[in-house]
Amino acid sequence: MHRTRCEKLKDDLIGEAVLLILKDNGPINFKSLAVKLKIMASTERDVERRSALSSAVAEVEQKVKSSGGMHSDVRKNCHINSMHHLMVNTTQHKYDKKH
Protein backbone atom coordinates (compact mmCIF):
# COMPACT_ATOMS: atom_id res chain seq x y z
CA MET A 1 0.00 0.00 0.00
CA HIS A 2 1.40 3.36 -1.02
CA ARG A 3 0.73 6.18 1.40
CA THR A 4 1.38 9.79 0.63
CA ARG A 5 3.71 11.97 2.64
CA CYS A 6 0.70 13.75 4.13
CA GLU A 7 -0.87 10.45 5.27
CA LYS A 8 2.40 9.39 6.91
CA LEU A 9 2.70 12.78 8.61
CA LYS A 10 -0.92 12.53 9.78
CA ASP A 11 -0.24 9.10 11.31
CA ASP A 12 2.89 10.41 13.02
CA LEU A 13 0.97 13.36 14.44
CA ILE A 14 -1.81 11.10 15.74
CA GLY A 15 0.86 9.02 17.46
CA GLU A 16 2.42 12.17 18.89
CA ALA A 17 -0.99 13.26 20.22
CA VAL A 18 -1.53 9.86 21.84
CA LEU A 19 1.87 10.10 23.53
CA LEU A 20 1.03 13.58 24.84
CA ILE A 21 -2.28 12.29 26.23
CA LEU A 22 -0.46 9.41 27.93
CA LYS A 23 2.11 11.82 29.35
CA ASP A 24 -0.76 13.83 30.87
CA ASN A 25 -2.31 10.58 32.23
CA GLY A 26 -5.44 11.28 30.19
CA PRO A 27 -7.93 8.80 28.78
CA ILE A 28 -7.21 7.41 25.34
CA ASN A 29 -10.36 7.67 23.26
CA PHE A 30 -11.47 9.37 20.06
CA LYS A 31 -12.81 12.45 21.86
CA SER A 32 -9.64 13.12 23.84
CA LEU A 33 -7.57 12.48 20.73
CA ALA A 34 -9.62 14.99 18.72
CA VAL A 35 -9.21 17.60 21.47
CA LYS A 36 -5.44 17.07 21.65
CA LEU A 37 -5.10 17.27 17.85
CA LYS A 38 -7.09 20.54 17.81
CA ILE A 39 -4.81 21.99 20.48
CA MET A 40 -1.76 20.92 18.51
CA ALA A 41 -3.21 22.44 15.31
CA SER A 42 -3.96 25.75 17.03
CA THR A 43 -0.33 26.19 18.06
CA GLU A 44 1.35 24.71 14.96
CA ARG A 45 3.27 27.18 12.76
CA ASP A 46 4.27 24.82 9.95
CA VAL A 47 1.65 24.86 7.17
CA GLU A 48 2.15 21.22 6.16
CA ARG A 49 1.86 19.96 9.74
CA ARG A 50 -1.16 22.18 10.39
CA SER A 51 -2.85 20.77 7.29
CA ALA A 52 -2.08 17.20 8.37
CA LEU A 53 -3.41 17.98 11.86
CA SER A 54 -6.64 19.35 10.38
CA SER A 55 -6.99 16.19 8.32
CA ALA A 56 -6.35 14.05 11.40
CA VAL A 57 -8.95 15.98 13.40
CA ALA A 58 -11.53 15.42 10.64
CA GLU A 59 -10.74 11.70 10.51
CA VAL A 60 -10.95 11.26 14.28
CA GLU A 61 -14.16 13.31 14.53
CA GLN A 62 -15.68 11.09 11.86
CA LYS A 63 -14.82 8.08 14.03
CA VAL A 64 -16.50 9.78 17.00
CA LYS A 65 -19.67 10.35 14.97
CA SER A 66 -19.72 6.83 13.51
CA SER A 67 -19.24 5.17 16.91
CA GLY A 68 -21.88 7.29 18.67
CA GLY A 69 -24.36 4.57 19.68
CA MET A 70 -21.92 1.70 19.55
CA HIS A 71 -21.04 1.72 23.25
CA SER A 72 -24.56 0.96 24.46
CA ASP A 73 -24.87 -1.87 21.92
CA VAL A 74 -21.55 -3.34 23.02
CA ARG A 75 -22.57 -3.17 26.69
CA LYS A 76 -25.92 -4.79 25.91
CA ASN A 77 -24.26 -7.62 23.95
CA CYS A 78 -21.70 -8.19 26.71
CA HIS A 79 -24.50 -8.45 29.25
CA ILE A 80 -26.38 -10.92 27.07
CA ASN A 81 -23.25 -12.97 26.40
CA SER A 82 -22.38 -13.08 30.10
CA MET A 83 -25.83 -14.53 30.84
CA HIS A 84 -25.76 -16.97 27.92
CA HIS A 85 -23.80 -19.63 29.79
CA LEU A 86 -26.51 -19.75 32.47
CA MET A 87 -29.19 -20.64 29.95
CA VAL A 88 -27.36 -23.15 27.80
CA ASN A 89 -26.33 -26.60 28.97
CA THR A 90 -22.69 -26.81 27.94
CA THR A 91 -21.70 -29.72 30.14
CA GLN A 92 -20.64 -32.73 28.19
CA HIS A 93 -21.00 -36.15 29.70
CA LYS A 94 -18.48 -38.89 29.02
CA TYR A 95 -21.01 -40.80 26.88
CA ASP A 96 -21.86 -37.74 24.76
CA LYS A 97 -18.39 -37.44 23.28
CA LYS A 98 -18.04 -38.09 19.56
CA HIS A 99 -14.82 -39.59 18.32
PDB file of N, CA and C in Angstrom:
ATOM      1  N   MET A   1       0.839  -1.166   0.000  1.00  0.00           N
ATOM      2  CA  MET A   1       0.000   0.000   0.000  1.00  0.00           C
ATOM      3  C   MET A   1       0.893   1.241   0.000  1.00  0.00           C
ATOM      4  N   HIS A   2       0.615   2.142  -0.890  1.00  0.00           N
ATOM      5  CA  HIS A   2       1.404   3.360  -1.017  1.00  0.00           C
ATOM      6  C   HIS A   2       0.681   4.503  -0.330  1.00  0.00           C
ATOM      7  N   ARG A   3       1.310   5.053   0.680  1.00  0.00           N
ATOM      8  CA  ARG A   3       0.731   6.178   1.399  1.00  0.00           C
ATOM      9  C   ARG A   3       1.480   7.435   1.037  1.00  0.00           C
ATOM     10  N   THR A   4       0.756   8.520   0.976  1.00  0.00           N
ATOM     11  CA  THR A   4       1.381   9.791   0.633  1.00  0.00           C
ATOM     12  C   THR A   4       2.147  10.330   1.838  1.00  0.00           C
ATOM     13  N   ARG A   5       2.939  11.316   1.567  1.00  0.00           N
ATOM     14  CA  ARG A   5       3.712  11.973   2.635  1.00  0.00           C
ATOM     15  C   ARG A   5       2.776  12.568   3.683  1.00  0.00           C
ATOM     16  N   CYS A   6       1.671  13.147   3.216  1.00  0.00           N
ATOM     17  CA  CYS A   6       0.697  13.752   4.125  1.00  0.00           C
ATOM     18  C   CYS A   6       0.051  12.695   5.023  1.00  0.00           C
ATOM     19  N   GLU A   7      -0.273  11.532   4.469  1.00  0.00           N
ATOM     20  CA  GLU A   7      -0.868  10.446   5.268  1.00  0.00           C
ATOM     21  C   GLU A   7       0.113   9.949   6.323  1.00  0.00           C
ATOM     22  N   LYS A   8       1.383   9.815   5.953  1.00  0.00           N
ATOM     23  CA  LYS A   8       2.397   9.390   6.909  1.00  0.00           C
ATOM     24  C   LYS A   8       2.564  10.430   8.017  1.00  0.00           C
ATOM     25  N   LEU A   9       2.575  11.703   7.632  1.00  0.00           N
ATOM     26  CA  LEU A   9       2.698  12.776   8.610  1.00  0.00           C
ATOM     27  C   LEU A   9       1.490  12.785   9.545  1.00  0.00           C
ATOM     28  N   LYS A  10       0.306  12.580   8.978  1.00  0.00           N
ATOM     29  CA  LYS A  10      -0.918  12.534   9.780  1.00  0.00           C
ATOM     30  C   LYS A  10      -0.834  11.407  10.808  1.00  0.00           C
ATOM     31  N   ASP A  11      -0.388  10.229  10.388  1.00  0.00           N
ATOM     32  CA  ASP A  11      -0.241   9.095  11.308  1.00  0.00           C
ATOM     33  C   ASP A  11       0.770   9.404  12.409  1.00  0.00           C
ATOM     34  N   ASP A  12       1.877  10.038  12.033  1.00  0.00           N
ATOM     35  CA  ASP A  12       2.893  10.411  13.023  1.00  0.00           C
ATOM     36  C   ASP A  12       2.319  11.402  14.040  1.00  0.00           C
ATOM     37  N   LEU A  13       1.538  12.357  13.560  1.00  0.00           N
ATOM     38  CA  LEU A  13       0.967  13.360  14.444  1.00  0.00           C
ATOM     39  C   LEU A  13      -0.097  12.759  15.367  1.00  0.00           C
ATOM     40  N   ILE A  14      -0.841  11.794  14.874  1.00  0.00           N
ATOM     41  CA  ILE A  14      -1.806  11.097  15.736  1.00  0.00           C
ATOM     42  C   ILE A  14      -1.049  10.350  16.839  1.00  0.00           C
ATOM     43  N   GLY A  15       0.034   9.707  16.466  1.00  0.00           N
ATOM     44  CA  GLY A  15       0.860   9.017  17.461  1.00  0.00           C
ATOM     45  C   GLY A  15       1.445   9.981  18.478  1.00  0.00           C
ATOM     46  N   GLU A  16       1.883  11.139  17.999  1.00  0.00           N
ATOM     47  CA  GLU A  16       2.421  12.169  18.889  1.00  0.00           C
ATOM     48  C   GLU A  16       1.343  12.647  19.864  1.00  0.00           C
ATOM     49  N   ALA A  17       0.127  12.829  19.363  1.00  0.00           N
ATOM     50  CA  ALA A  17      -0.987  13.263  20.216  1.00  0.00           C
ATOM     51  C   ALA A  17      -1.300  12.208  21.270  1.00  0.00           C
ATOM     52  N   VAL A  18      -1.282  10.949  20.887  1.00  0.00           N
ATOM     53  CA  VAL A  18      -1.532   9.861  21.844  1.00  0.00           C
ATOM     54  C   VAL A  18      -0.459   9.865  22.934  1.00  0.00           C
ATOM     55  N   LEU A  19       0.793  10.050  22.548  1.00  0.00           N
ATOM     56  CA  LEU A  19       1.874  10.096  23.534  1.00  0.00           C
ATOM     57  C   LEU A  19       1.701  11.270  24.492  1.00  0.00           C
ATOM     58  N   LEU A  20       1.265  12.414  23.975  1.00  0.00           N
ATOM     59  CA  LEU A  20       1.028  13.577  24.838  1.00  0.00           C
ATOM     60  C   LEU A  20      -0.119  13.317  25.812  1.00  0.00           C
ATOM     61  N   ILE A  21      -1.164  12.643  25.350  1.00  0.00           N
ATOM     62  CA  ILE A  21      -2.283  12.292  26.231  1.00  0.00           C
ATOM     63  C   ILE A  21      -1.800  11.347  27.324  1.00  0.00           C
ATOM     64  N   LEU A  22      -0.999  10.355  26.946  1.00  0.00           N
ATOM     65  CA  LEU A  22      -0.462   9.410  27.927  1.00  0.00           C
ATOM     66  C   LEU A  22       0.431  10.123  28.943  1.00  0.00           C
ATOM     67  N   LYS A  23       1.229  11.061  28.462  1.00  0.00           N
ATOM     68  CA  LYS A  23       2.110  11.824  29.346  1.00  0.00           C
ATOM     69  C   LYS A  23       1.296  12.601  30.375  1.00  0.00           C
ATOM     70  N   ASP A  24       0.118  13.077  29.966  1.00  0.00           N
ATOM     71  CA  ASP A  24      -0.765  13.827  30.867  1.00  0.00           C
ATOM     72  C   ASP A  24      -1.666  12.907  31.692  1.00  0.00           C
ATOM     73  N   ASN A  25      -1.473  11.583  31.549  1.00  0.00           N
ATOM     74  CA  ASN A  25      -2.311  10.582  32.230  1.00  0.00           C
ATOM     75  C   ASN A  25      -3.786  10.735  31.881  1.00  0.00           C
ATOM     76  N   GLY A  26      -4.064  11.100  30.640  1.00  0.00           N
ATOM     77  CA  GLY A  26      -5.438  11.276  30.188  1.00  0.00           C
ATOM     78  C   GLY A  26      -6.001   9.999  29.591  1.00  0.00           C
ATOM     79  N   PRO A  27      -7.308   9.982  29.388  1.00  0.00           N
ATOM     80  CA  PRO A  27      -7.934   8.803  28.783  1.00  0.00           C
ATOM     81  C   PRO A  27      -7.656   8.756  27.283  1.00  0.00           C
ATOM     82  N   ILE A  28      -7.431   7.582  26.766  1.00  0.00           N
ATOM     83  CA  ILE A  28      -7.207   7.409  25.339  1.00  0.00           C
ATOM     84  C   ILE A  28      -8.532   7.007  24.706  1.00  0.00           C
ATOM     85  N   ASN A  29      -9.138   7.934  24.011  1.00  0.00           N
ATOM     86  CA  ASN A  29     -10.360   7.672  23.259  1.00  0.00           C
ATOM     87  C   ASN A  29     -10.424   8.678  22.116  1.00  0.00           C
ATOM     88  N   PHE A  30     -11.401   8.502  21.224  1.00  0.00           N
ATOM     89  CA  PHE A  30     -11.469   9.372  20.057  1.00  0.00           C
ATOM     90  C   PHE A  30     -11.707  10.831  20.443  1.00  0.00           C
ATOM     91  N   LYS A  31     -12.524  11.069  21.463  1.00  0.00           N
ATOM     92  CA  LYS A  31     -12.807  12.450  21.856  1.00  0.00           C
ATOM     93  C   LYS A  31     -11.570  13.148  22.393  1.00  0.00           C
ATOM     94  N   SER A  32     -10.839  12.488  23.288  1.00  0.00           N
ATOM     95  CA  SER A  32      -9.639  13.120  23.844  1.00  0.00           C
ATOM     96  C   SER A  32      -8.572  13.297  22.764  1.00  0.00           C
ATOM     97  N   LEU A  33      -8.520  12.361  21.832  1.00  0.00           N
ATOM     98  CA  LEU A  33      -7.573  12.477  20.725  1.00  0.00           C
ATOM     99  C   LEU A  33      -7.918  13.670  19.838  1.00  0.00           C
ATOM    100  N   ALA A  34      -9.195  13.852  19.546  1.00  0.00           N
ATOM    101  CA  ALA A  34      -9.623  14.991  18.721  1.00  0.00           C
ATOM    102  C   ALA A  34      -9.294  16.313  19.408  1.00  0.00           C
ATOM    103  N   VAL A  35      -9.523  16.378  20.715  1.00  0.00           N
ATOM    104  CA  VAL A  35      -9.214  17.604  21.468  1.00  0.00           C
ATOM    105  C   VAL A  35      -7.722  17.896  21.414  1.00  0.00           C
ATOM    106  N   LYS A  36      -6.902  16.875  21.654  1.00  0.00           N
ATOM    107  CA  LYS A  36      -5.443  17.074  21.654  1.00  0.00           C
ATOM    108  C   LYS A  36      -4.952  17.490  20.264  1.00  0.00           C
ATOM    109  N   LEU A  37      -5.505  16.895  19.215  1.00  0.00           N
ATOM    110  CA  LEU A  37      -5.104  17.272  17.853  1.00  0.00           C
ATOM    111  C   LEU A  37      -5.495  18.708  17.545  1.00  0.00           C
ATOM    112  N   LYS A  38      -6.661  19.146  18.017  1.00  0.00           N
ATOM    113  CA  LYS A  38      -7.086  20.536  17.811  1.00  0.00           C
ATOM    114  C   LYS A  38      -6.154  21.502  18.522  1.00  0.00           C
ATOM    115  N   ILE A  39      -5.755  21.147  19.729  1.00  0.00           N
ATOM    116  CA  ILE A  39      -4.813  21.992  20.478  1.00  0.00           C
ATOM    117  C   ILE A  39      -3.486  22.078  19.742  1.00  0.00           C
ATOM    118  N   MET A  40      -3.015  20.940  19.257  1.00  0.00           N
ATOM    119  CA  MET A  40      -1.759  20.920  18.511  1.00  0.00           C
ATOM    120  C   MET A  40      -1.868  21.769  17.248  1.00  0.00           C
ATOM    121  N   ALA A  41      -3.016  21.678  16.550  1.00  0.00           N
ATOM    122  CA  ALA A  41      -3.213  22.443  15.311  1.00  0.00           C
ATOM    123  C   ALA A  41      -3.262  23.942  15.589  1.00  0.00           C
ATOM    124  N   SER A  42      -3.833  24.316  16.719  1.00  0.00           N
ATOM    125  CA  SER A  42      -3.963  25.747  17.029  1.00  0.00           C
ATOM    126  C   SER A  42      -2.624  26.406  17.326  1.00  0.00           C
ATOM    127  N   THR A  43      -1.640  25.613  17.734  1.00  0.00           N
ATOM    128  CA  THR A  43      -0.327  26.187  18.058  1.00  0.00           C
ATOM    129  C   THR A  43       0.728  25.894  16.996  1.00  0.00           C
ATOM    130  N   GLU A  44       0.380  25.104  15.994  1.00  0.00           N
ATOM    131  CA  GLU A  44       1.348  24.707  14.958  1.00  0.00           C
ATOM    132  C   GLU A  44       1.608  25.855  13.991  1.00  0.00           C
ATOM    133  N   ARG A  45       2.878  26.096  13.686  1.00  0.00           N
ATOM    134  CA  ARG A  45       3.266  27.176  12.764  1.00  0.00           C
ATOM    135  C   ARG A  45       3.528  26.665  11.351  1.00  0.00           C
ATOM    136  N   ASP A  46       3.958  25.404  11.248  1.00  0.00           N
ATOM    137  CA  ASP A  46       4.270  24.824   9.946  1.00  0.00           C
ATOM    138  C   ASP A  46       2.975  24.510   9.189  1.00  0.00           C
ATOM    139  N   VAL A  47       2.874  24.999   7.962  1.00  0.00           N
ATOM    140  CA  VAL A  47       1.651  24.861   7.169  1.00  0.00           C
ATOM    141  C   VAL A  47       1.339  23.397   6.868  1.00  0.00           C
ATOM    142  N   GLU A  48       2.357  22.630   6.508  1.00  0.00           N
ATOM    143  CA  GLU A  48       2.145  21.223   6.158  1.00  0.00           C
ATOM    144  C   GLU A  48       1.655  20.422   7.373  1.00  0.00           C
ATOM    145  N   ARG A  49       2.279  20.654   8.510  1.00  0.00           N
ATOM    146  CA  ARG A  49       1.861  19.959   9.736  1.00  0.00           C
ATOM    147  C   ARG A  49       0.462  20.398  10.156  1.00  0.00           C
ATOM    148  N   ARG A  50       0.170  21.682  10.026  1.00  0.00           N
ATOM    149  CA  ARG A  50      -1.159  22.181  10.389  1.00  0.00           C
ATOM    150  C   ARG A  50      -2.230  21.554   9.501  1.00  0.00           C
ATOM    151  N   SER A  51      -1.927  21.400   8.219  1.00  0.00           N
ATOM    152  CA  SER A  51      -2.850  20.767   7.289  1.00  0.00           C
ATOM    153  C   SER A  51      -3.064  19.295   7.648  1.00  0.00           C
ATOM    154  N   ALA A  52      -1.982  18.604   7.980  1.00  0.00           N
ATOM    155  CA  ALA A  52      -2.077  17.200   8.368  1.00  0.00           C
ATOM    156  C   ALA A  52      -2.854  17.062   9.685  1.00  0.00           C
ATOM    157  N   LEU A  53      -2.657  18.001  10.606  1.00  0.00           N
ATOM    158  CA  LEU A  53      -3.405  17.981  11.862  1.00  0.00           C
ATOM    159  C   LEU A  53      -4.897  18.192  11.614  1.00  0.00           C
ATOM    160  N   SER A  54      -5.235  19.109  10.721  1.00  0.00           N
ATOM    161  CA  SER A  54      -6.640  19.346  10.385  1.00  0.00           C
ATOM    162  C   SER A  54      -7.265  18.099   9.778  1.00  0.00           C
ATOM    163  N   SER A  55      -6.522  17.432   8.924  1.00  0.00           N
ATOM    164  CA  SER A  55      -6.992  16.192   8.317  1.00  0.00           C
ATOM    165  C   SER A  55      -7.175  15.104   9.378  1.00  0.00           C
ATOM    166  N   ALA A  56      -6.258  15.034  10.319  1.00  0.00           N
ATOM    167  CA  ALA A  56      -6.346  14.049  11.396  1.00  0.00           C
ATOM    168  C   ALA A  56      -7.552  14.332  12.289  1.00  0.00           C
ATOM    169  N   VAL A  57      -7.795  15.598  12.588  1.00  0.00           N
ATOM    170  CA  VAL A  57      -8.953  15.977  13.397  1.00  0.00           C
ATOM    171  C   VAL A  57     -10.240  15.542  12.699  1.00  0.00           C
ATOM    172  N   ALA A  58     -10.328  15.804  11.392  1.00  0.00           N
ATOM    173  CA  ALA A  58     -11.527  15.423  10.637  1.00  0.00           C
ATOM    174  C   ALA A  58     -11.729  13.909  10.655  1.00  0.00           C
ATOM    175  N   GLU A  59     -10.649  13.160  10.508  1.00  0.00           N
ATOM    176  CA  GLU A  59     -10.736  11.695  10.514  1.00  0.00           C
ATOM    177  C   GLU A  59     -11.184  11.176  11.878  1.00  0.00           C
ATOM    178  N   VAL A  60     -10.611  11.716  12.935  1.00  0.00           N
ATOM    179  CA  VAL A  60     -10.952  11.264  14.285  1.00  0.00           C
ATOM    180  C   VAL A  60     -12.384  11.673  14.638  1.00  0.00           C
ATOM    181  N   GLU A  61     -12.780  12.877  14.254  1.00  0.00           N
ATOM    182  CA  GLU A  61     -14.157  13.310  14.531  1.00  0.00           C
ATOM    183  C   GLU A  61     -15.165  12.453  13.775  1.00  0.00           C
ATOM    184  N   GLN A  62     -14.806  11.993  12.602  1.00  0.00           N
ATOM    185  CA  GLN A  62     -15.675  11.087  11.855  1.00  0.00           C
ATOM    186  C   GLN A  62     -15.838   9.776  12.616  1.00  0.00           C
ATOM    187  N   LYS A  63     -14.752   9.302  13.217  1.00  0.00           N
ATOM    188  CA  LYS A  63     -14.816   8.081  14.026  1.00  0.00           C
ATOM    189  C   LYS A  63     -15.726   8.285  15.233  1.00  0.00           C
ATOM    190  N   VAL A  64     -15.656   9.475  15.844  1.00  0.00           N
ATOM    191  CA  VAL A  64     -16.505   9.778  17.000  1.00  0.00           C
ATOM    192  C   VAL A  64     -17.968   9.724  16.584  1.00  0.00           C
ATOM    193  N   LYS A  65     -18.289  10.322  15.444  1.00  0.00           N
ATOM    194  CA  LYS A  65     -19.668  10.347  14.967  1.00  0.00           C
ATOM    195  C   LYS A  65     -20.154   8.949  14.600  1.00  0.00           C
ATOM    196  N   SER A  66     -19.304   8.157  13.966  1.00  0.00           N
ATOM    197  CA  SER A  66     -19.720   6.831  13.512  1.00  0.00           C
ATOM    198  C   SER A  66     -19.832   5.832  14.661  1.00  0.00           C
ATOM    199  N   SER A  67     -19.169   6.097  15.776  1.00  0.00           N
ATOM    200  CA  SER A  67     -19.239   5.170  16.911  1.00  0.00           C
ATOM    201  C   SER A  67     -20.169   5.685  17.995  1.00  0.00           C
ATOM    202  N   GLY A  68     -21.004   6.651  17.691  1.00  0.00           N
ATOM    203  CA  GLY A  68     -21.877   7.286  18.669  1.00  0.00           C
ATOM    204  C   GLY A  68     -22.694   6.336  19.504  1.00  0.00           C
ATOM    205  N   GLY A  69     -23.500   5.470  18.914  1.00  0.00           N
ATOM    206  CA  GLY A  69     -24.361   4.575  19.678  1.00  0.00           C
ATOM    207  C   GLY A  69     -23.763   3.210  19.904  1.00  0.00           C
ATOM    208  N   MET A  70     -22.536   3.012  19.488  1.00  0.00           N
ATOM    209  CA  MET A  70     -21.920   1.697  19.551  1.00  0.00           C
ATOM    210  C   MET A  70     -21.717   1.224  20.992  1.00  0.00           C
ATOM    211  N   HIS A  71     -21.380   2.129  21.898  1.00  0.00           N
ATOM    212  CA  HIS A  71     -21.043   1.719  23.252  1.00  0.00           C
ATOM    213  C   HIS A  71     -22.217   1.052  23.960  1.00  0.00           C
ATOM    214  N   SER A  72     -23.423   1.581  23.800  1.00  0.00           N
ATOM    215  CA  SER A  72     -24.564   0.959  24.464  1.00  0.00           C
ATOM    216  C   SER A  72     -24.856  -0.416  23.867  1.00  0.00           C
ATOM    217  N   ASP A  73     -24.672  -0.568  22.550  1.00  0.00           N
ATOM    218  CA  ASP A  73     -24.874  -1.871  21.923  1.00  0.00           C
ATOM    219  C   ASP A  73     -23.846  -2.887  22.414  1.00  0.00           C
ATOM    220  N   VAL A  74     -22.608  -2.443  22.556  1.00  0.00           N
ATOM    221  CA  VAL A  74     -21.552  -3.336  23.023  1.00  0.00           C
ATOM    222  C   VAL A  74     -21.850  -3.773  24.444  1.00  0.00           C
ATOM    223  N   ARG A  75     -22.247  -2.823  25.311  1.00  0.00           N
ATOM    224  CA  ARG A  75     -22.570  -3.172  26.686  1.00  0.00           C
ATOM    225  C   ARG A  75     -23.731  -4.155  26.743  1.00  0.00           C
ATOM    226  N   LYS A  76     -24.748  -3.915  25.921  1.00  0.00           N
ATOM    227  CA  LYS A  76     -25.918  -4.790  25.910  1.00  0.00           C
ATOM    228  C   LYS A  76     -25.511  -6.194  25.475  1.00  0.00           C
ATOM    229  N   ASN A  77     -24.704  -6.309  24.428  1.00  0.00           N
ATOM    230  CA  ASN A  77     -24.261  -7.615  23.951  1.00  0.00           C
ATOM    231  C   ASN A  77     -23.386  -8.321  24.978  1.00  0.00           C
ATOM    232  N   CYS A  78     -22.535  -7.578  25.671  1.00  0.00           N
ATOM    233  CA  CYS A  78     -21.696  -8.189  26.707  1.00  0.00           C
ATOM    234  C   CYS A  78     -22.565  -8.744  27.821  1.00  0.00           C
ATOM    235  N   HIS A  79     -23.594  -7.993  28.194  1.00  0.00           N
ATOM    236  CA  HIS A  79     -24.495  -8.454  29.246  1.00  0.00           C
ATOM    237  C   HIS A  79     -25.214  -9.728  28.812  1.00  0.00           C
ATOM    238  N   ILE A  80     -25.691  -9.745  27.588  1.00  0.00           N
ATOM    239  CA  ILE A  80     -26.381 -10.922  27.074  1.00  0.00           C
ATOM    240  C   ILE A  80     -25.424 -12.102  27.010  1.00  0.00           C
ATOM    241  N   ASN A  81     -24.217 -11.880  26.509  1.00  0.00           N
ATOM    242  CA  ASN A  81     -23.250 -12.971  26.403  1.00  0.00           C
ATOM    243  C   ASN A  81     -22.828 -13.490  27.778  1.00  0.00           C
ATOM    244  N   SER A  82     -22.771 -12.608  28.775  1.00  0.00           N
ATOM    245  CA  SER A  82     -22.377 -13.076  30.103  1.00  0.00           C
ATOM    246  C   SER A  82     -23.471 -13.922  30.734  1.00  0.00           C
ATOM    247  N   MET A  83     -24.719 -13.745  30.320  1.00  0.00           N
ATOM    248  CA  MET A  83     -25.830 -14.533  30.838  1.00  0.00           C
ATOM    249  C   MET A  83     -26.056 -15.807  30.018  1.00  0.00           C
ATOM    250  N   HIS A  84     -25.512 -15.861  28.830  1.00  0.00           N
ATOM    251  CA  HIS A  84     -25.762 -16.972  27.917  1.00  0.00           C
ATOM    252  C   HIS A  84     -25.371 -18.311  28.531  1.00  0.00           C
ATOM    253  N   HIS A  85     -24.260 -18.367  29.216  1.00  0.00           N
ATOM    254  CA  HIS A  85     -23.799 -19.633  29.790  1.00  0.00           C
ATOM    255  C   HIS A  85     -24.752 -20.168  30.862  1.00  0.00           C
ATOM    256  N   LEU A  86     -25.557 -19.305  31.457  1.00  0.00           N
ATOM    257  CA  LEU A  86     -26.508 -19.753  32.465  1.00  0.00           C
ATOM    258  C   LEU A  86     -27.726 -20.429  31.848  1.00  0.00           C
ATOM    259  N   MET A  87     -27.997 -20.123  30.598  1.00  0.00           N
ATOM    260  CA  MET A  87     -29.195 -20.638  29.953  1.00  0.00           C
ATOM    261  C   MET A  87     -28.938 -21.828  29.046  1.00  0.00           C
ATOM    262  N   VAL A  88     -27.691 -22.079  28.732  1.00  0.00           N
ATOM    263  CA  VAL A  88     -27.357 -23.154  27.802  1.00  0.00           C
ATOM    264  C   VAL A  88     -26.598 -24.235  28.557  1.00  0.00           C
ATOM    265  N   ASN A  89     -27.006 -25.474  28.341  1.00  0.00           N
ATOM    266  CA  ASN A  89     -26.327 -26.595  28.975  1.00  0.00           C
ATOM    267  C   ASN A  89     -25.088 -26.933  28.157  1.00  0.00           C
ATOM    268  N   THR A  90     -23.930 -26.573  28.676  1.00  0.00           N
ATOM    269  CA  THR A  90     -22.688 -26.808  27.938  1.00  0.00           C
ATOM    270  C   THR A  90     -21.890 -27.971  28.522  1.00  0.00           C
ATOM    271  N   THR A  91     -22.429 -28.598  29.559  1.00  0.00           N
ATOM    272  CA  THR A  91     -21.701 -29.722  30.142  1.00  0.00           C
ATOM    273  C   THR A  91     -21.784 -30.916  29.214  1.00  0.00           C
ATOM    274  N   GLN A  92     -20.703 -31.586  29.088  1.00  0.00           N
ATOM    275  CA  GLN A  92     -20.644 -32.730  28.193  1.00  0.00           C
ATOM    276  C   GLN A  92     -20.332 -33.971  29.026  1.00  0.00           C
ATOM    277  N   HIS A  93     -21.197 -34.919  28.947  1.00  0.00           N
ATOM    278  CA  HIS A  93     -21.003 -36.151  29.695  1.00  0.00           C
ATOM    279  C   HIS A  93     -20.040 -37.058  28.939  1.00  0.00           C
ATOM    280  N   LYS A  94     -19.466 -38.026  29.666  1.00  0.00           N
ATOM    281  CA  LYS A  94     -18.477 -38.888  29.016  1.00  0.00           C
ATOM    282  C   LYS A  94     -19.080 -39.734  27.894  1.00  0.00           C
ATOM    283  N   TYR A  95     -20.380 -39.996  27.931  1.00  0.00           N
ATOM    284  CA  TYR A  95     -21.010 -40.802  26.880  1.00  0.00           C
ATOM    285  C   TYR A  95     -21.481 -39.950  25.691  1.00  0.00           C
ATOM    286  N   ASP A  96     -21.431 -38.628  25.834  1.00  0.00           N
ATOM    287  CA  ASP A  96     -21.863 -37.743  24.756  1.00  0.00           C
ATOM    288  C   ASP A  96     -20.724 -37.409  23.796  1.00  0.00           C
ATOM    289  N   LYS A  97     -19.527 -37.802  24.115  1.00  0.00           N
ATOM    290  CA  LYS A  97     -18.390 -37.441  23.277  1.00  0.00           C
ATOM    291  C   LYS A  97     -18.447 -38.180  21.953  1.00  0.00           C
ATOM    292  N   LYS A  98     -18.092 -37.476  20.890  1.00  0.00           N
ATOM    293  CA  LYS A  98     -18.036 -38.091  19.564  1.00  0.00           C
ATOM    294  C   LYS A  98     -16.571 -38.203  19.165  1.00  0.00           C
ATOM    295  N   HIS A  99     -16.215 -39.375  18.714  1.00  0.00           N
ATOM    296  CA  HIS A  99     -14.818 -39.594  18.317  1.00  0.00           C
ATOM    297  C   HIS A  99     -14.730 -39.881  16.859  1.00  0.00           C
TER     298      HIS A  99
END
